[in-house]
Amino acid sequence: MNTPLSLTTPALLFPAISLLLLAYTNRFLGLASIIRHLFNDYQDNPEDKIIQQIGNLRSRINLIKWMQFLGVGSLFLCVVTMLQIYVQMAISAQYTFGVSLLLMMASLALSLVELRKSSDALNILLSDLEQQHGRG
């Protein structure tokens, strides 16, 4: 069954996309704070462990950049979909909305990858703490 899109269908994604973009921005700001802290730590006491964390942090920053890019692309295409519905371009609107959903799915998938990298980094820190206190 092929039901036409209404203006409210893509509009329903606006709050979800906005919240996701806010969450992505918070992740980015959190990483930026960690990087600044590590930079200051390295200036005071250069250690190899700090250098080893750079690759993980750089990868996570890159993932968040793409998560945001795809999320913004999804939001943009939702707006384009609404315009297409408004000017009665129903077929184009359906395809555009489909691409918007695919972009959001890709953004969410990258979010899971970034979450995994974040968890791995925390587990490494916890292992280091356990080893320092003889529980490893």
Foldseek 3Di string as FASTA:
>chain_A
DDDFDDLVVLVVCVVVLVVQLVVLVVVLVVLVVVLVVLVVVCVVPNDVVSVVCVVLSVVLNVLSVLLNVLSVQLNVLSVVLSVCVVVPVRVVSVVSNVVSVVSNVVSVVSVVVSVVSVVVVVVVVVVVVCVVVVND
